[in-house]
N, C-alpha and C. Protein backbone atom coordinates (compact mmCIF):
# COMPACT_ATOMS: atom_id res chain seq x y z
N MET A 1 2.38 7.54 -1.34
CA MET A 1 2.42 6.22 -0.75
C MET A 1 3.76 5.58 -1.10
N THR A 2 4.37 4.93 -0.12
CA THR A 2 5.67 4.31 -0.35
C THR A 2 5.52 3.04 -1.21
N ILE A 3 6.63 2.60 -1.74
CA ILE A 3 6.63 1.36 -2.53
C ILE A 3 6.21 0.18 -1.66
N GLU A 4 6.65 0.18 -0.41
CA GLU A 4 6.29 -0.90 0.50
C GLU A 4 4.78 -0.97 0.72
N LEU A 5 4.16 0.18 0.91
CA LEU A 5 2.70 0.21 1.08
C LEU A 5 1.98 -0.19 -0.20
N THR A 6 2.55 0.17 -1.34
CA THR A 6 1.97 -0.24 -2.62
C THR A 6 1.95 -1.75 -2.74
N TYR A 7 3.07 -2.40 -2.40
CA TYR A 7 3.11 -3.86 -2.48
C TYR A 7 2.25 -4.52 -1.41
N LEU A 8 2.09 -3.86 -0.28
CA LEU A 8 1.15 -4.36 0.72
C LEU A 8 -0.27 -4.32 0.17
N THR A 9 -0.60 -3.26 -0.54
CA THR A 9 -1.92 -3.14 -1.18
C THR A 9 -2.11 -4.24 -2.22
N TYR A 10 -1.10 -4.47 -3.05
CA TYR A 10 -1.18 -5.53 -4.05
C TYR A 10 -1.40 -6.89 -3.39
N THR A 11 -0.68 -7.13 -2.30
CA THR A 11 -0.80 -8.41 -1.60
C THR A 11 -2.19 -8.56 -1.00
N ALA A 12 -2.74 -7.48 -0.45
CA ALA A 12 -4.09 -7.54 0.11
C ALA A 12 -5.12 -7.82 -1.00
N ILE A 13 -4.93 -7.22 -2.16
CA ILE A 13 -5.84 -7.47 -3.29
C ILE A 13 -5.72 -8.92 -3.74
N LEU A 14 -4.50 -9.45 -3.78
CA LEU A 14 -4.32 -10.87 -4.12
C LEU A 14 -5.07 -11.75 -3.14
N CYS A 15 -4.96 -11.43 -1.86
CA CYS A 15 -5.66 -12.21 -0.83
C CYS A 15 -7.18 -12.10 -1.00
N LEU A 16 -7.65 -10.91 -1.35
CA LEU A 16 -9.09 -10.72 -1.56
C LEU A 16 -9.63 -11.53 -2.72
N LEU A 17 -8.79 -11.79 -3.71
CA LEU A 17 -9.24 -12.51 -4.91
C LEU A 17 -9.05 -14.02 -4.82
N LEU A 18 -8.19 -14.49 -3.93
CA LEU A 18 -7.84 -15.91 -3.91
C LEU A 18 -8.98 -16.83 -3.48
N TRP A 19 -9.99 -16.33 -2.83
CA TRP A 19 -11.10 -17.20 -2.44
C TRP A 19 -12.03 -17.48 -3.61
N LEU A 20 -11.99 -16.67 -4.65
CA LEU A 20 -12.92 -16.80 -5.76
C LEU A 20 -12.88 -18.16 -6.47
N PRO A 21 -11.71 -18.72 -6.80
CA PRO A 21 -11.73 -20.03 -7.48
C PRO A 21 -12.36 -21.12 -6.63
N TYR A 22 -12.07 -21.13 -5.34
CA TYR A 22 -12.60 -22.18 -4.47
C TYR A 22 -14.12 -22.07 -4.32
N ILE A 23 -14.59 -20.88 -4.02
CA ILE A 23 -16.02 -20.68 -3.85
C ILE A 23 -16.76 -20.82 -5.18
N GLY A 24 -16.18 -20.28 -6.23
CA GLY A 24 -16.82 -20.37 -7.55
C GLY A 24 -16.93 -21.81 -8.04
N ALA A 25 -15.85 -22.58 -7.87
CA ALA A 25 -15.89 -23.98 -8.30
C ALA A 25 -16.88 -24.77 -7.46
N GLY A 26 -16.96 -24.47 -6.17
CA GLY A 26 -17.92 -25.15 -5.30
C GLY A 26 -19.35 -24.83 -5.69
N ALA A 27 -19.60 -23.58 -5.99
CA ALA A 27 -20.96 -23.18 -6.39
C ALA A 27 -21.34 -23.80 -7.72
N MET A 28 -20.38 -23.90 -8.64
CA MET A 28 -20.67 -24.50 -9.95
C MET A 28 -20.92 -26.00 -9.82
N LYS A 29 -20.19 -26.66 -8.94
CA LYS A 29 -20.31 -28.12 -8.82
C LYS A 29 -21.47 -28.54 -7.92
N PHE A 30 -21.63 -27.85 -6.79
CA PHE A 30 -22.60 -28.27 -5.79
C PHE A 30 -23.80 -27.35 -5.66
N GLY A 31 -23.74 -26.19 -6.29
CA GLY A 31 -24.81 -25.20 -6.12
C GLY A 31 -24.54 -24.36 -4.88
N PHE A 32 -25.41 -23.42 -4.65
CA PHE A 32 -25.25 -22.55 -3.49
C PHE A 32 -25.67 -23.29 -2.22
N LEU A 33 -25.07 -22.92 -1.11
CA LEU A 33 -25.39 -23.57 0.16
C LEU A 33 -26.82 -23.25 0.58
N THR A 34 -27.43 -24.23 1.18
CA THR A 34 -28.76 -24.03 1.74
C THR A 34 -28.62 -23.85 3.25
N SER A 35 -29.70 -23.50 3.91
CA SER A 35 -29.64 -23.35 5.36
C SER A 35 -29.31 -24.68 6.03
N GLN A 36 -29.70 -25.78 5.41
CA GLN A 36 -29.39 -27.11 5.96
C GLN A 36 -27.88 -27.39 5.90
N ASP A 37 -27.20 -26.89 4.87
CA ASP A 37 -25.75 -27.09 4.75
C ASP A 37 -25.00 -26.45 5.91
N TYR A 38 -25.52 -25.37 6.43
CA TYR A 38 -24.85 -24.68 7.54
C TYR A 38 -25.03 -25.45 8.86
N LYS A 39 -26.11 -26.18 8.97
CA LYS A 39 -26.38 -26.92 10.21
C LYS A 39 -25.56 -28.20 10.29
N ALA A 40 -25.49 -28.93 9.22
CA ALA A 40 -24.76 -30.20 9.20
C ALA A 40 -24.03 -30.33 7.87
N PRO A 41 -22.88 -29.64 7.75
CA PRO A 41 -22.18 -29.69 6.47
C PRO A 41 -21.62 -31.09 6.19
N SER A 42 -21.81 -31.53 5.00
CA SER A 42 -21.27 -32.82 4.61
C SER A 42 -19.97 -32.59 3.83
N PRO A 43 -19.02 -33.48 3.99
CA PRO A 43 -17.77 -33.31 3.24
C PRO A 43 -18.03 -33.47 1.75
N LYS A 44 -17.66 -32.48 1.00
CA LYS A 44 -17.86 -32.52 -0.44
C LYS A 44 -16.49 -32.50 -1.11
N GLU A 45 -16.35 -33.34 -2.09
CA GLU A 45 -15.07 -33.46 -2.78
C GLU A 45 -14.98 -32.45 -3.91
N HIS A 46 -13.90 -31.71 -3.90
CA HIS A 46 -13.61 -30.77 -4.97
C HIS A 46 -12.54 -31.37 -5.86
N ALA A 47 -12.38 -30.78 -7.03
CA ALA A 47 -11.28 -31.17 -7.91
C ALA A 47 -9.95 -30.85 -7.20
N PRO A 48 -8.90 -31.60 -7.49
CA PRO A 48 -7.63 -31.35 -6.81
C PRO A 48 -7.12 -29.92 -6.95
N TRP A 49 -7.27 -29.31 -8.13
CA TRP A 49 -6.78 -27.95 -8.29
C TRP A 49 -7.57 -26.97 -7.42
N VAL A 50 -8.85 -27.27 -7.19
CA VAL A 50 -9.68 -26.40 -6.35
C VAL A 50 -9.20 -26.48 -4.90
N GLU A 51 -8.90 -27.67 -4.45
CA GLU A 51 -8.36 -27.84 -3.09
C GLU A 51 -7.02 -27.13 -2.95
N ARG A 52 -6.18 -27.22 -3.98
CA ARG A 52 -4.88 -26.53 -3.93
C ARG A 52 -5.08 -25.02 -3.93
N ALA A 53 -6.06 -24.51 -4.68
CA ALA A 53 -6.35 -23.07 -4.67
C ALA A 53 -6.78 -22.62 -3.29
N HIS A 54 -7.58 -23.45 -2.63
CA HIS A 54 -8.01 -23.14 -1.28
C HIS A 54 -6.83 -23.11 -0.32
N ARG A 55 -5.93 -24.09 -0.43
CA ARG A 55 -4.75 -24.13 0.43
C ARG A 55 -3.82 -22.95 0.16
N ALA A 56 -3.73 -22.52 -1.10
CA ALA A 56 -2.90 -21.35 -1.43
C ALA A 56 -3.46 -20.11 -0.74
N HIS A 57 -4.77 -19.99 -0.72
CA HIS A 57 -5.42 -18.86 -0.04
C HIS A 57 -5.14 -18.92 1.46
N LEU A 58 -5.33 -20.10 2.04
CA LEU A 58 -5.08 -20.25 3.48
C LEU A 58 -3.63 -19.97 3.82
N ASN A 59 -2.70 -20.39 2.95
CA ASN A 59 -1.29 -20.16 3.20
C ASN A 59 -0.97 -18.67 3.20
N LEU A 60 -1.55 -17.94 2.25
CA LEU A 60 -1.34 -16.49 2.24
C LEU A 60 -1.95 -15.85 3.48
N LEU A 61 -3.12 -16.31 3.89
CA LEU A 61 -3.74 -15.78 5.10
C LEU A 61 -2.87 -16.00 6.33
N GLU A 62 -2.15 -17.10 6.37
CA GLU A 62 -1.27 -17.38 7.50
C GLU A 62 -0.03 -16.50 7.51
N ASN A 63 0.41 -16.08 6.33
CA ASN A 63 1.64 -15.30 6.22
C ASN A 63 1.40 -13.80 6.11
N LEU A 64 0.20 -13.41 5.83
CA LEU A 64 -0.11 -11.99 5.64
C LEU A 64 0.05 -11.15 6.91
N PRO A 65 -0.37 -11.61 8.08
CA PRO A 65 -0.26 -10.75 9.27
C PRO A 65 1.16 -10.29 9.58
N SER A 66 2.13 -11.17 9.46
CA SER A 66 3.51 -10.76 9.75
C SER A 66 4.01 -9.75 8.71
N PHE A 67 3.63 -9.94 7.45
CA PHE A 67 4.03 -8.99 6.42
C PHE A 67 3.39 -7.63 6.66
N VAL A 68 2.12 -7.63 6.99
CA VAL A 68 1.41 -6.37 7.28
C VAL A 68 2.08 -5.66 8.45
N ALA A 69 2.35 -6.40 9.51
CA ALA A 69 2.97 -5.79 10.70
C ALA A 69 4.33 -5.19 10.36
N LEU A 70 5.15 -5.92 9.63
CA LEU A 70 6.48 -5.41 9.29
C LEU A 70 6.41 -4.17 8.41
N ILE A 71 5.53 -4.19 7.42
CA ILE A 71 5.41 -3.03 6.53
C ILE A 71 4.90 -1.81 7.30
N LEU A 72 3.92 -2.01 8.17
CA LEU A 72 3.39 -0.87 8.94
C LEU A 72 4.40 -0.35 9.96
N ILE A 73 5.14 -1.23 10.59
CA ILE A 73 6.18 -0.79 11.53
C ILE A 73 7.24 0.01 10.78
N ALA A 74 7.67 -0.49 9.63
CA ALA A 74 8.66 0.23 8.83
C ALA A 74 8.12 1.59 8.40
N HIS A 75 6.86 1.63 8.03
CA HIS A 75 6.26 2.89 7.60
C HIS A 75 6.20 3.91 8.74
N VAL A 76 5.74 3.47 9.90
CA VAL A 76 5.64 4.37 11.05
C VAL A 76 7.02 4.86 11.49
N ALA A 77 8.01 3.97 11.36
CA ALA A 77 9.38 4.34 11.75
C ALA A 77 10.14 5.07 10.64
N HIS A 78 9.47 5.34 9.54
CA HIS A 78 10.06 6.02 8.38
C HIS A 78 11.28 5.28 7.84
N ILE A 79 11.13 3.96 7.77
CA ILE A 79 12.19 3.12 7.21
C ILE A 79 11.74 2.69 5.82
N SER A 80 12.35 3.30 4.83
CA SER A 80 12.08 2.96 3.44
C SER A 80 13.37 3.13 2.67
N ASN A 81 13.95 2.03 2.26
CA ASN A 81 15.19 2.09 1.50
C ASN A 81 15.13 1.03 0.41
N GLU A 82 16.22 0.90 -0.33
CA GLU A 82 16.23 -0.07 -1.43
C GLU A 82 15.95 -1.49 -0.95
N THR A 83 16.46 -1.82 0.23
CA THR A 83 16.27 -3.18 0.74
C THR A 83 14.82 -3.44 1.09
N THR A 84 14.18 -2.52 1.81
CA THR A 84 12.79 -2.75 2.20
C THR A 84 11.87 -2.72 0.97
N GLN A 85 12.20 -1.86 0.01
CA GLN A 85 11.40 -1.80 -1.22
C GLN A 85 11.52 -3.09 -2.01
N MET A 86 12.76 -3.58 -2.15
CA MET A 86 12.98 -4.83 -2.88
C MET A 86 12.33 -6.00 -2.15
N ALA A 87 12.43 -6.02 -0.83
CA ALA A 87 11.86 -7.11 -0.04
C ALA A 87 10.33 -7.12 -0.15
N ALA A 88 9.70 -5.97 -0.13
CA ALA A 88 8.25 -5.90 -0.28
C ALA A 88 7.83 -6.42 -1.65
N ALA A 89 8.56 -6.03 -2.68
CA ALA A 89 8.27 -6.52 -4.03
C ALA A 89 8.50 -8.03 -4.10
N MET A 90 9.58 -8.49 -3.49
CA MET A 90 9.87 -9.93 -3.48
C MET A 90 8.75 -10.70 -2.80
N PHE A 91 8.23 -10.17 -1.69
CA PHE A 91 7.16 -10.87 -0.99
C PHE A 91 5.94 -11.01 -1.89
N PHE A 92 5.51 -9.89 -2.48
CA PHE A 92 4.32 -9.94 -3.33
C PHE A 92 4.51 -10.91 -4.49
N TRP A 93 5.59 -10.75 -5.24
CA TRP A 93 5.78 -11.58 -6.43
C TRP A 93 6.01 -13.04 -6.07
N SER A 94 6.67 -13.30 -4.95
CA SER A 94 6.83 -14.70 -4.55
C SER A 94 5.50 -15.32 -4.15
N ARG A 95 4.63 -14.53 -3.51
CA ARG A 95 3.31 -15.05 -3.14
C ARG A 95 2.42 -15.24 -4.37
N ALA A 96 2.52 -14.34 -5.34
CA ALA A 96 1.76 -14.52 -6.58
C ALA A 96 2.24 -15.77 -7.32
N PHE A 97 3.56 -15.95 -7.39
CA PHE A 97 4.13 -17.13 -8.04
C PHE A 97 3.78 -18.39 -7.25
N GLN A 98 3.86 -18.31 -5.93
CA GLN A 98 3.53 -19.44 -5.08
C GLN A 98 2.09 -19.88 -5.30
N THR A 99 1.20 -18.92 -5.46
CA THR A 99 -0.21 -19.23 -5.72
C THR A 99 -0.34 -20.00 -7.03
N LEU A 100 0.31 -19.52 -8.07
CA LEU A 100 0.23 -20.17 -9.38
C LEU A 100 0.77 -21.59 -9.32
N VAL A 101 1.96 -21.78 -8.76
CA VAL A 101 2.53 -23.13 -8.74
C VAL A 101 1.80 -24.03 -7.75
N HIS A 102 1.19 -23.45 -6.74
CA HIS A 102 0.37 -24.24 -5.82
C HIS A 102 -0.86 -24.77 -6.56
N TRP A 103 -1.52 -23.91 -7.34
CA TRP A 103 -2.67 -24.35 -8.13
C TRP A 103 -2.28 -25.47 -9.09
N LEU A 104 -1.06 -25.35 -9.66
CA LEU A 104 -0.60 -26.34 -10.63
C LEU A 104 -0.10 -27.62 -9.96
N GLY A 105 0.12 -27.58 -8.65
CA GLY A 105 0.57 -28.76 -7.93
C GLY A 105 2.06 -29.01 -8.02
N THR A 106 2.85 -27.97 -8.22
CA THR A 106 4.30 -28.10 -8.34
C THR A 106 4.93 -27.91 -6.97
N ALA A 107 5.24 -29.01 -6.32
CA ALA A 107 5.65 -28.98 -4.91
C ALA A 107 6.94 -28.20 -4.68
N TYR A 108 7.99 -28.48 -5.41
CA TYR A 108 9.28 -27.87 -5.11
C TYR A 108 9.29 -26.37 -5.40
N LEU A 109 8.67 -25.97 -6.48
CA LEU A 109 8.60 -24.54 -6.79
C LEU A 109 7.74 -23.80 -5.78
N ARG A 110 6.69 -24.45 -5.33
CA ARG A 110 5.81 -23.86 -4.31
C ARG A 110 6.61 -23.58 -3.04
N THR A 111 7.42 -24.55 -2.62
CA THR A 111 8.22 -24.40 -1.41
C THR A 111 9.28 -23.32 -1.60
N LEU A 112 9.90 -23.28 -2.77
CA LEU A 112 10.91 -22.26 -3.05
C LEU A 112 10.29 -20.87 -3.00
N ALA A 113 9.12 -20.71 -3.59
CA ALA A 113 8.44 -19.41 -3.58
C ALA A 113 8.08 -19.00 -2.16
N PHE A 114 7.60 -19.95 -1.37
CA PHE A 114 7.29 -19.66 0.04
C PHE A 114 8.56 -19.20 0.76
N PHE A 115 9.67 -19.88 0.53
CA PHE A 115 10.93 -19.55 1.18
C PHE A 115 11.40 -18.14 0.81
N VAL A 116 11.25 -17.76 -0.45
CA VAL A 116 11.63 -16.41 -0.89
C VAL A 116 10.76 -15.37 -0.17
N GLY A 117 9.47 -15.63 -0.04
CA GLY A 117 8.59 -14.72 0.70
C GLY A 117 8.98 -14.61 2.15
N TRP A 118 9.35 -15.73 2.75
CA TRP A 118 9.78 -15.73 4.15
C TRP A 118 11.08 -14.94 4.31
N LEU A 119 12.03 -15.14 3.40
CA LEU A 119 13.29 -14.39 3.45
C LEU A 119 13.06 -12.89 3.28
N SER A 120 12.13 -12.53 2.43
CA SER A 120 11.86 -11.11 2.22
C SER A 120 11.34 -10.46 3.51
N GLN A 121 10.54 -11.19 4.27
CA GLN A 121 10.08 -10.66 5.55
C GLN A 121 11.24 -10.50 6.53
N LEU A 122 12.14 -11.46 6.51
CA LEU A 122 13.32 -11.35 7.38
C LEU A 122 14.17 -10.14 7.00
N MET A 123 14.25 -9.84 5.71
CA MET A 123 15.01 -8.68 5.26
C MET A 123 14.40 -7.38 5.80
N ILE A 124 13.09 -7.29 5.78
CA ILE A 124 12.42 -6.10 6.32
C ILE A 124 12.61 -6.03 7.82
N ALA A 125 12.47 -7.15 8.51
CA ALA A 125 12.67 -7.19 9.96
C ALA A 125 14.09 -6.75 10.32
N TYR A 126 15.06 -7.19 9.55
CA TYR A 126 16.45 -6.80 9.80
C TYR A 126 16.64 -5.30 9.65
N GLN A 127 16.02 -4.73 8.63
CA GLN A 127 16.10 -3.27 8.43
C GLN A 127 15.49 -2.53 9.61
N ILE A 128 14.40 -3.02 10.13
CA ILE A 128 13.75 -2.39 11.29
C ILE A 128 14.64 -2.51 12.52
N LEU A 129 15.15 -3.71 12.75
CA LEU A 129 15.99 -3.94 13.94
C LEU A 129 17.29 -3.15 13.89
N THR A 130 17.90 -3.02 12.72
CA THR A 130 19.15 -2.25 12.64
C THR A 130 18.87 -0.76 12.77
N PHE A 131 17.68 -0.32 12.39
CA PHE A 131 17.32 1.09 12.56
C PHE A 131 17.11 1.40 14.03
N VAL A 132 16.50 0.47 14.76
CA VAL A 132 16.21 0.67 16.17
C VAL A 132 17.48 0.69 16.99
N ASN A 133 18.42 -0.21 16.67
CA ASN A 133 19.65 -0.30 17.45
C ASN A 133 20.64 0.67 16.96
């Protein structure tokens, strides 16, 4: 397995785990949902860090499809070099860091981490486009 696919796997595992704080905190505070909750859900207030954890999960969900597509395109095209490997690692670690600072409520670091993840995807896209042309 390539380094890029390894970091894609790590990112998928991170995404699989990110829902746990939000759901766990909700279950601890409000109990498990009943059938009535599904029919007419009432807005329930969570602690601020729980809401930020939920937003961190949603943010990764929004950015994961493009990362998956780029990694799989690079893999199918047999594009694996130092740049794509470094970019895949940068994406994963920036998203892990972004999750942590998002939970902590650190706005500027959260934005910086998001930007690094976005740049890493552009680096992979550039490698694919230069290989094609």
